[in-house]
Amino acid sequence: MRFNLHRALMVAGGTLAVAGLMAAYSYTTASVTNAATLSVVDTNQALLALTPGTPAVGGYPDKDVPASIQNGNLVFDFNKGLGGADFGLQQNSTYYWDGMFTIQNNSSNAVQVTITDANLPAGVTLSMNQGETGKGATTINTNDASGLVKIQGNTGLTFTIPAGGWQEMDVQAQVGAMGISNSSNMTINVNAAAVGGDL
């Protein structure tokens, strides 16, 4: 059997013409509808759940818990005191709350958590430390002998919580020699990224 170059070129050309015709009729966009589920829940019931703690002062239960769930969000109100009334913090003072809030990892992956703040008033410093740990959260690295880490601006505190683990956070607020003012609003950001996978 002899190889016929002319016939081979005609077959190849025909194949290319058919492929080009098929490409001309192929789709450029597609829309496929799939079933999906998404629930918007309170922050204490989410994949990365934040819950208020029950702080203790000097080993005694502290009824002035500055963290609570309001409208589905964890809110810190450092002004709260007796009977839930607003009092505030005085100049040149330091306040410390044991176990002020807890971070629970309800995902299937370990997560790296970073805590930062925004809009912190001048003269005020917030620091955090690990309280009790559940199911192997990593130790926070700090150079401070107290174990406290300042969370000002983009300088935050970072640690890892395994799947199903939790981390209780102690919080310290320091107020310097600043002028007396009304309440200041600030934001405490808790961000999580999956370690070795997707959330």
Protein backbone atom coordinates (compact mmCIF):
# COMPACT_ATOMS: atom_id res chain seq x y z
CA MET A 1 0.00 0.00 0.00
CA ARG A 2 1.42 3.34 -1.02
CA PHE A 3 1.21 6.42 1.10
CA ASN A 4 -0.84 9.08 -0.70
CA LEU A 5 0.30 12.54 0.42
CA HIS A 6 -2.44 14.27 -1.51
CA ARG A 7 -5.15 12.18 0.17
CA ALA A 8 -3.54 12.68 3.66
CA LEU A 9 -3.46 16.45 3.18
CA MET A 10 -7.11 16.48 2.12
CA VAL A 11 -8.12 14.50 5.22
CA ALA A 12 -6.08 16.80 7.50
CA GLY A 13 -7.55 19.89 5.82
CA GLY A 14 -11.06 18.52 6.17
CA THR A 15 -10.49 17.80 9.86
CA LEU A 16 -9.25 21.34 10.44
CA ALA A 17 -12.24 22.80 8.59
CA VAL A 18 -14.69 20.77 10.70
CA ALA A 19 -12.86 21.78 13.92
CA GLY A 20 -13.00 25.45 12.88
CA LEU A 21 -16.70 25.16 12.11
CA MET A 22 -17.33 23.54 15.51
CA ALA A 23 -15.38 26.30 17.25
CA ALA A 24 -17.50 28.90 15.49
CA TYR A 25 -20.62 27.25 16.91
CA SER A 26 -19.27 26.64 20.44
CA TYR A 27 -20.59 28.66 23.37
CA THR A 28 -18.83 31.70 24.83
CA THR A 29 -20.82 31.83 28.06
CA ALA A 30 -22.76 29.33 30.12
CA SER A 31 -25.07 29.56 33.09
CA VAL A 32 -25.71 26.52 35.24
CA THR A 33 -28.05 26.60 38.22
CA ASN A 34 -27.04 24.52 41.25
CA ALA A 35 -28.62 24.11 44.64
CA ALA A 36 -26.75 25.91 47.45
CA THR A 37 -27.24 26.64 51.12
CA LEU A 38 -26.03 29.63 53.10
CA SER A 39 -27.15 30.59 56.57
CA VAL A 40 -26.47 33.96 58.11
CA VAL A 41 -26.15 33.34 61.85
CA ASP A 42 -25.13 35.20 64.96
CA THR A 43 -21.37 35.48 65.37
CA ASN A 44 -21.41 32.98 68.25
CA GLN A 45 -22.83 30.27 65.90
CA ALA A 46 -20.60 30.81 62.82
CA LEU A 47 -17.73 28.77 61.33
CA LEU A 48 -15.40 31.17 63.14
CA ALA A 49 -17.49 31.75 66.24
CA LEU A 50 -16.87 34.62 68.65
CA THR A 51 -18.50 34.35 72.05
CA PRO A 52 -18.39 36.62 75.09
CA GLY A 53 -16.52 35.21 78.06
CA THR A 54 -17.11 35.43 81.77
CA PRO A 55 -14.09 37.40 83.00
CA ALA A 56 -12.73 37.08 86.51
CA VAL A 57 -10.97 39.79 88.49
CA GLY A 58 -8.61 38.55 91.20
CA GLY A 59 -10.13 35.08 90.88
CA TYR A 60 -13.68 36.26 91.58
CA PRO A 61 -16.45 36.27 88.98
CA ASP A 62 -16.70 39.67 87.31
CA LYS A 63 -20.25 40.75 86.58
CA ASP A 64 -19.00 43.73 84.55
CA VAL A 65 -18.51 41.64 81.41
CA PRO A 66 -17.51 44.10 78.63
CA ALA A 67 -18.32 41.64 75.80
CA SER A 68 -21.81 40.72 74.64
CA ILE A 69 -23.76 39.64 71.56
CA GLN A 70 -25.80 42.55 70.14
CA ASN A 71 -27.72 42.26 66.87
CA GLY A 72 -25.77 39.10 66.04
CA ASN A 73 -22.33 40.70 66.54
CA LEU A 74 -19.79 40.43 69.35
CA VAL A 75 -19.52 43.91 70.87
CA PHE A 76 -16.94 45.16 73.39
CA ASP A 77 -18.10 47.95 75.69
CA PHE A 78 -15.28 48.87 78.06
CA ASN A 79 -17.50 51.46 79.79
CA LYS A 80 -19.92 48.95 81.38
CA GLY A 81 -20.10 48.71 85.14
CA LEU A 82 -22.58 48.24 87.97
CA GLY A 83 -26.06 47.45 86.74
CA GLY A 84 -24.91 47.68 83.11
CA ALA A 85 -24.48 51.46 83.42
CA ASP A 86 -21.77 53.32 81.49
CA PHE A 87 -18.86 54.56 83.59
CA GLY A 88 -15.64 54.50 81.54
CA LEU A 89 -11.94 54.18 82.32
CA GLN A 90 -9.92 56.91 84.02
CA GLN A 91 -6.65 58.50 82.90
CA ASN A 92 -3.36 56.71 83.67
CA SER A 93 -5.07 53.39 84.35
CA THR A 94 -4.77 49.75 83.34
CA TYR A 95 -7.68 47.31 83.29
CA TYR A 96 -7.41 43.55 82.66
CA TRP A 97 -10.19 41.09 81.83
CA ASP A 98 -9.52 37.33 82.04
CA GLY A 99 -11.28 35.33 79.33
CA MET A 100 -13.08 38.32 77.87
CA PHE A 101 -14.04 36.42 74.72
CA THR A 102 -13.53 33.06 73.02
CA ILE A 103 -12.73 32.20 69.40
CA GLN A 104 -14.12 28.81 68.30
CA ASN A 105 -12.98 27.17 65.04
CA ASN A 106 -16.00 25.22 63.75
CA SER A 107 -14.42 24.49 60.35
CA SER A 108 -12.77 21.24 59.22
CA ASN A 109 -9.36 22.92 58.83
CA ALA A 110 -6.92 24.55 61.17
CA VAL A 111 -7.09 28.35 60.89
CA GLN A 112 -4.53 31.07 61.43
CA VAL A 113 -6.21 33.84 63.39
CA THR A 114 -5.02 37.46 63.37
CA ILE A 115 -6.47 40.09 65.70
CA THR A 116 -5.97 43.79 64.91
CA ASP A 117 -7.78 47.02 65.69
CA ALA A 118 -8.80 50.16 63.88
CA ASN A 119 -9.61 53.69 65.09
CA LEU A 120 -8.14 53.21 68.55
CA PRO A 121 -8.20 56.58 70.34
CA ALA A 122 -4.83 58.28 70.86
CA GLY A 123 -3.44 57.45 74.29
CA VAL A 124 -5.24 54.10 74.54
CA THR A 125 -3.44 50.75 74.15
CA LEU A 126 -5.17 47.39 73.80
CA SER A 127 -3.23 44.19 74.40
CA MET A 128 -4.28 40.55 74.42
CA ASN A 129 -3.01 37.28 75.79
CA GLN A 130 -4.10 33.67 75.58
CA GLY A 131 -6.39 32.49 78.32
CA GLU A 132 -7.51 28.88 78.42
CA THR A 133 -6.95 26.84 75.26
CA GLY A 134 -9.11 24.03 73.94
CA LYS A 135 -7.86 21.28 71.65
CA GLY A 136 -4.36 22.51 70.96
CA ALA A 137 -4.33 26.17 69.86
CA THR A 138 -0.74 27.28 69.27
CA THR A 139 1.08 29.45 71.76
CA ILE A 140 1.27 33.13 70.90
CA ASN A 141 4.84 34.28 70.44
CA THR A 142 5.65 37.45 72.34
CA ASN A 143 8.72 39.21 73.68
CA ASP A 144 6.73 40.70 76.55
CA ALA A 145 7.31 38.85 79.85
CA SER A 146 3.61 39.28 80.67
CA GLY A 147 2.64 37.40 77.51
CA LEU A 148 0.60 40.40 76.33
CA VAL A 149 0.68 41.44 72.67
CA LYS A 150 -0.36 44.93 71.54
CA ILE A 151 -2.92 44.83 68.75
CA GLN A 152 -2.58 48.40 67.52
CA GLY A 153 -3.25 49.07 63.85
CA ASN A 154 -1.84 46.47 61.47
CA THR A 155 0.45 45.16 64.20
CA GLY A 156 -1.61 42.28 65.45
CA LEU A 157 -1.58 39.08 67.32
CA THR A 158 -1.43 35.83 65.31
CA PHE A 159 -1.90 32.19 66.33
CA THR A 160 -3.40 28.96 64.97
CA ILE A 161 -6.51 27.12 66.15
CA PRO A 162 -7.00 23.50 64.98
CA ALA A 163 -10.28 22.18 63.55
CA GLY A 164 -12.80 22.05 66.39
CA GLY A 165 -10.45 23.94 68.74
CA TRP A 166 -11.01 27.15 70.67
CA GLN A 167 -8.99 29.93 72.26
CA GLU A 168 -10.05 32.14 75.14
CA MET A 169 -8.61 35.67 75.03
CA ASP A 170 -7.57 37.91 77.93
CA VAL A 171 -7.70 41.64 77.21
CA GLN A 172 -5.88 44.59 78.76
CA ALA A 173 -6.78 48.25 78.19
CA GLN A 174 -4.30 50.98 79.15
CA VAL A 175 -5.32 54.63 79.20
CA GLY A 176 -2.57 57.24 79.23
CA ALA A 177 -2.51 60.87 80.37
CA MET A 178 -5.04 62.01 77.82
CA GLY A 179 -7.83 64.52 77.93
CA ILE A 180 -11.23 63.40 79.15
CA SER A 181 -13.58 62.67 76.26
CA ASN A 182 -16.88 61.05 75.48
CA SER A 183 -17.04 57.48 74.25
CA SER A 184 -14.80 56.66 71.31
CA ASN A 185 -15.75 54.07 68.73
CA MET A 186 -13.15 51.57 67.58
CA THR A 187 -13.09 48.25 65.77
CA ILE A 188 -11.44 45.00 66.82
CA ASN A 189 -10.89 42.76 63.78
CA VAL A 190 -10.64 38.96 64.07
CA ASN A 191 -9.53 37.45 60.75
CA ALA A 192 -8.97 33.77 59.93
CA ALA A 193 -7.28 32.00 57.03
CA ALA A 194 -7.29 28.25 56.46
CA VAL A 195 -3.99 26.47 57.07
CA GLY A 196 -3.39 24.02 54.22
CA GLY A 197 -6.88 24.16 52.71
CA ASP A 198 -10.09 26.10 52.24
CA LEU A 199 -12.54 27.02 54.97
